[in-house]
Structure formats: C-alpha cells, structure tokens
Protein backbone atom coordinates (compact mmCIF):
# COMPACT_ATOMS: atom_id res chain seq x y z
CA MET A 1 -9.24 -21.17 -14.24
CA ILE A 2 -8.18 -19.13 -11.39
CA SER A 3 -5.85 -21.28 -8.95
CA ARG A 4 -6.08 -21.17 -5.27
CA THR A 5 -3.14 -18.90 -4.87
CA SER A 6 -4.22 -16.38 -7.19
CA LEU A 7 -8.10 -16.18 -5.77
CA PHE A 8 -6.18 -15.89 -2.20
CA LEU A 9 -4.14 -13.02 -3.30
CA LEU A 10 -7.22 -11.45 -4.88
CA CYS A 11 -9.05 -11.83 -1.81
CA THR A 12 -6.16 -10.46 0.42
CA LEU A 13 -5.77 -7.57 -1.96
CA SER A 14 -9.27 -6.72 -1.81
CA LEU A 15 -9.13 -6.37 1.97
CA PHE A 16 -6.11 -4.18 1.75
CA VAL A 17 -7.77 -1.89 -0.70
CA LEU A 18 -10.96 -1.67 1.65
CA ALA A 19 -8.91 -0.96 4.64
CA ALA A 20 -6.78 1.60 2.99
CA CYS A 21 -9.91 3.71 2.16
CA SER A 22 -11.52 3.42 5.39
CA ALA A 23 -11.14 6.06 8.29
CA PRO A 24 -8.70 5.56 10.96
CA SER A 25 -10.02 3.58 13.90
CA GLY A 26 -8.04 5.80 16.60
CA GLY A 27 -9.90 8.86 15.17
CA ARG A 28 -8.15 11.84 13.21
CA VAL A 29 -4.39 12.11 13.61
CA ILE A 30 -2.89 15.34 14.46
CA GLY A 31 0.29 16.03 12.56
CA GLY A 32 0.08 18.85 9.64
CA GLN A 33 -1.58 19.04 6.34
CA PRO A 34 -1.95 16.59 3.93
CA ILE A 35 1.06 15.82 1.47
CA ALA A 36 1.25 14.89 -2.11
CA ILE A 37 2.52 11.37 -2.91
CA SER A 38 5.71 12.99 -4.52
CA GLU A 39 6.72 14.06 -0.89
CA LEU A 40 7.24 10.24 0.20
CA ALA A 41 10.91 9.07 -0.10
CA THR A 42 12.00 6.56 -2.69
CA TYR A 43 13.09 3.31 -1.32
CA PRO A 44 16.67 2.93 -1.69
CA GLY A 45 17.77 0.75 -5.11
CA ALA A 46 14.19 1.52 -6.15
CA THR A 47 13.37 2.07 -9.80
CA GLU A 48 10.07 4.13 -10.38
CA LEU A 49 7.81 2.52 -13.06
CA ASN A 50 5.73 4.60 -15.80
CA PHE A 51 2.16 3.80 -15.97
CA GLY A 52 1.86 0.26 -17.65
CA GLU A 53 5.40 -0.54 -16.96
CA SER A 54 4.28 -2.86 -13.73
CA LYS A 55 4.38 -6.56 -14.45
CA ILE A 56 3.00 -7.08 -10.91
CA ILE A 57 1.56 -4.32 -8.91
CA GLU A 58 -0.73 -3.18 -11.81
CA SER A 59 -2.26 -6.72 -12.05
CA VAL A 60 -2.63 -6.46 -8.31
CA PHE A 61 -3.89 -2.92 -7.55
CA GLY A 62 -4.76 -1.65 -11.16
CA PRO A 63 -8.63 -2.22 -10.82
CA ALA A 64 -8.80 -0.12 -7.71
CA GLN A 65 -6.68 2.56 -8.74
CA ARG A 66 -8.91 2.94 -12.24
CA GLU A 67 -11.91 3.86 -10.18
CA THR A 68 -13.18 7.19 -11.30
CA PRO A 69 -12.38 9.64 -8.75
CA PRO A 70 -13.69 10.50 -6.08
CA PHE A 71 -13.71 6.97 -4.76
CA ILE A 72 -16.30 6.59 -2.50
CA GLY A 73 -15.02 3.72 -0.25
CA LEU A 74 -17.50 2.92 2.89
CA GLY A 75 -19.34 6.27 2.63
CA ILE A 76 -16.07 8.41 2.63
CA GLU A 77 -15.11 10.20 -0.67
CA VAL A 78 -11.40 9.21 -1.31
CA ASP A 79 -8.89 10.78 -3.82
CA LYS A 80 -6.09 8.04 -4.76
CA THR A 81 -2.40 8.53 -5.93
CA GLN A 82 0.17 5.78 -6.38
CA ARG A 83 3.82 5.17 -7.18
CA SER A 84 5.07 2.10 -8.18
CA PHE A 85 8.97 0.80 -8.06
CA ARG A 86 10.88 -2.36 -9.33
CA VAL A 87 12.82 -3.23 -6.21
CA PRO A 88 15.75 -5.55 -6.26
CA GLN A 89 14.87 -9.44 -5.62
CA ASP A 90 16.66 -9.57 -2.10
CA THR A 91 14.54 -6.75 -0.86
CA THR A 92 12.35 -7.95 2.18
CA PHE A 93 9.06 -6.57 3.57
CA ASP A 94 10.84 -5.87 6.90
CA GLN A 95 13.40 -3.45 5.18
CA VAL A 96 10.96 -1.64 3.48
CA LYS A 97 8.84 -1.02 6.44
CA THR A 98 11.78 -0.23 8.62
CA PHE A 99 12.92 2.49 5.98
CA TYR A 100 9.47 4.03 5.55
CA ALA A 101 8.52 3.65 9.64
CA ASP A 102 11.46 5.90 10.51
CA LYS A 103 10.51 8.67 7.90
CA LEU A 104 6.57 8.37 8.43
CA GLN A 105 6.65 8.55 12.34
CA ALA A 106 8.97 11.86 12.11
CA ALA A 107 6.41 13.53 10.05
CA GLY A 108 3.50 12.47 12.46
CA TRP A 109 2.24 9.31 10.64
CA ARG A 110 1.14 6.45 12.81
CA GLU A 111 0.25 2.65 11.93
CA ASP A 112 -3.50 2.59 12.98
CA PRO A 113 -3.73 -0.18 15.75
CA ALA A 114 -6.70 -1.97 14.03
CA MET A 115 -5.13 -1.95 10.65
CA ARG A 116 -1.78 -3.36 12.00
CA VAL A 117 -3.69 -6.30 13.31
CA PHE A 118 -5.01 -6.93 10.08
CA THR A 119 -2.07 -6.30 7.83
CA ASN A 120 -0.12 -8.48 10.07
CA ASN A 121 -2.42 -11.35 9.59
CA ALA A 122 -2.62 -10.68 6.02
CA ASN A 123 1.00 -10.57 5.68
CA GLU A 124 1.12 -13.96 7.54
CA ALA A 125 -1.17 -15.58 5.02
CA SER A 126 0.55 -14.41 1.99
CA LYS A 127 4.56 -14.27 1.62
CA ASN A 128 3.83 -12.86 -2.21
CA LEU A 129 1.92 -9.79 -0.91
CA GLN A 130 3.00 -7.87 2.09
CA GLY A 131 1.61 -4.51 3.38
CA ALA A 132 1.33 -1.84 5.90
CA ILE A 133 -1.09 0.89 6.44
CA TRP A 134 -0.12 4.32 8.03
CA VAL A 135 -2.40 7.33 8.86
CA ARG A 136 -1.80 11.24 9.25
CA VAL A 137 -4.34 13.95 9.02
CA ASP A 138 -6.82 12.88 6.45
CA GLN A 139 -4.68 10.50 4.74
CA THR A 140 -4.13 6.86 4.49
CA LEU A 141 -0.92 5.33 3.15
CA LEU A 142 -0.72 1.76 1.99
CA ILE A 143 2.77 0.16 1.38
CA ALA A 144 2.78 -2.92 -0.35
CA LEU A 145 5.37 -5.09 -1.50
CA ALA A 146 4.63 -7.92 -4.27
CA GLN A 147 6.52 -10.59 -5.39
CA ASP A 148 5.92 -12.74 -8.71
CA PRO A 149 6.53 -16.35 -7.42
CA SER A 150 7.50 -17.64 -10.66
CA SER A 151 10.15 -15.04 -11.43
CA GLY A 152 11.00 -13.82 -8.05
CA GLU A 153 10.76 -10.24 -9.28
CA LYS A 154 9.32 -7.82 -6.51
CA GLU A 155 7.66 -4.42 -6.82
CA LEU A 156 6.64 -1.94 -4.46
CA THR A 157 3.68 0.54 -4.27
CA LEU A 158 2.73 3.60 -2.42
CA SER A 159 -0.93 4.32 -2.57
CA LEU A 160 -2.07 7.49 -0.83
CA ALA A 161 -5.63 7.98 -0.22
CA THR A 162 -6.91 11.42 0.89
CA HIS A 163 -10.21 11.63 2.28
C-alpha cells in the first residue's frame, strides 16, 4: 500500500517532470548554443553515480528518464539526459541552488518566472524533494535534491531536456 507521503512525492515529481519538459513561459532565452549535460559543473563533495547505483533519484525520476526518446511532452519533442550524484547529508537545497545559480546565470541561463512560482510552492510542500528549473536557448534544466527520510541519505540530479 502506498503511503500518503509516497503518493504526495509521486505527484510532486510528476509536476516537476511536466514542468521541465514544457516550453519556457517567458519565450526563447538568448544565450548561445545548447550544451551537453557533461558541461555542467559537479556540486562540491558530490560523487557521481553510475546507472543503477542510485537509491533515491532512480526511484523518483527513473520512469520519466526511461521513456523512449524523443519524449513528446505537451506537444514538444524532447531529448533528455541526466546525471545523478550522492551528496553529503548536510547538503541543503539552498546551497545547491546558490552553487548552480552563479554558474548558470553567467552562462545565460535564467529561472523561468512561472516555473519559479511552481517550484517554490512544490518545495514548500515537500522537504524531501526540492527542485529548481532553469531555461536557456532550447533547453530546460531541472536541478533536484532528494532525501531518503528514513536514512537521511541525499542525492542530487541534473536533468537536461533539449527541445
């Protein structure tokens, strides 16, 4: 039987995935050519996980990542890539967001205003799954920090959708 917390996390995840695959509400962001996910910085102290090593992120985001490319989300053809990391247990989402915000803004990324409202509300509702959505050119980046409430372990994912 699925607990209320698990059901809530699943619903929150579904909203993150749909939001990450949508077109930016502010229109196309000018700022250069699309990037590869390997060009994104690794959070300090994070250990990159190979496929199948994730204990938290894979259960939350795995089904959406495994959809046959190209994923058709809300009428938009999307190719997705993802990197996942184990991070120290004392890592907070504010620390992660600050680390990436500086680098992303310098490279022409911005937080989509509509998605910022959405993610802030979702983050308030679930302390075990925190996220932010950034847009640039024809790409959307979802940054999410998930915590296993029973063990306290934390994993970070960077999910890049190219439209």
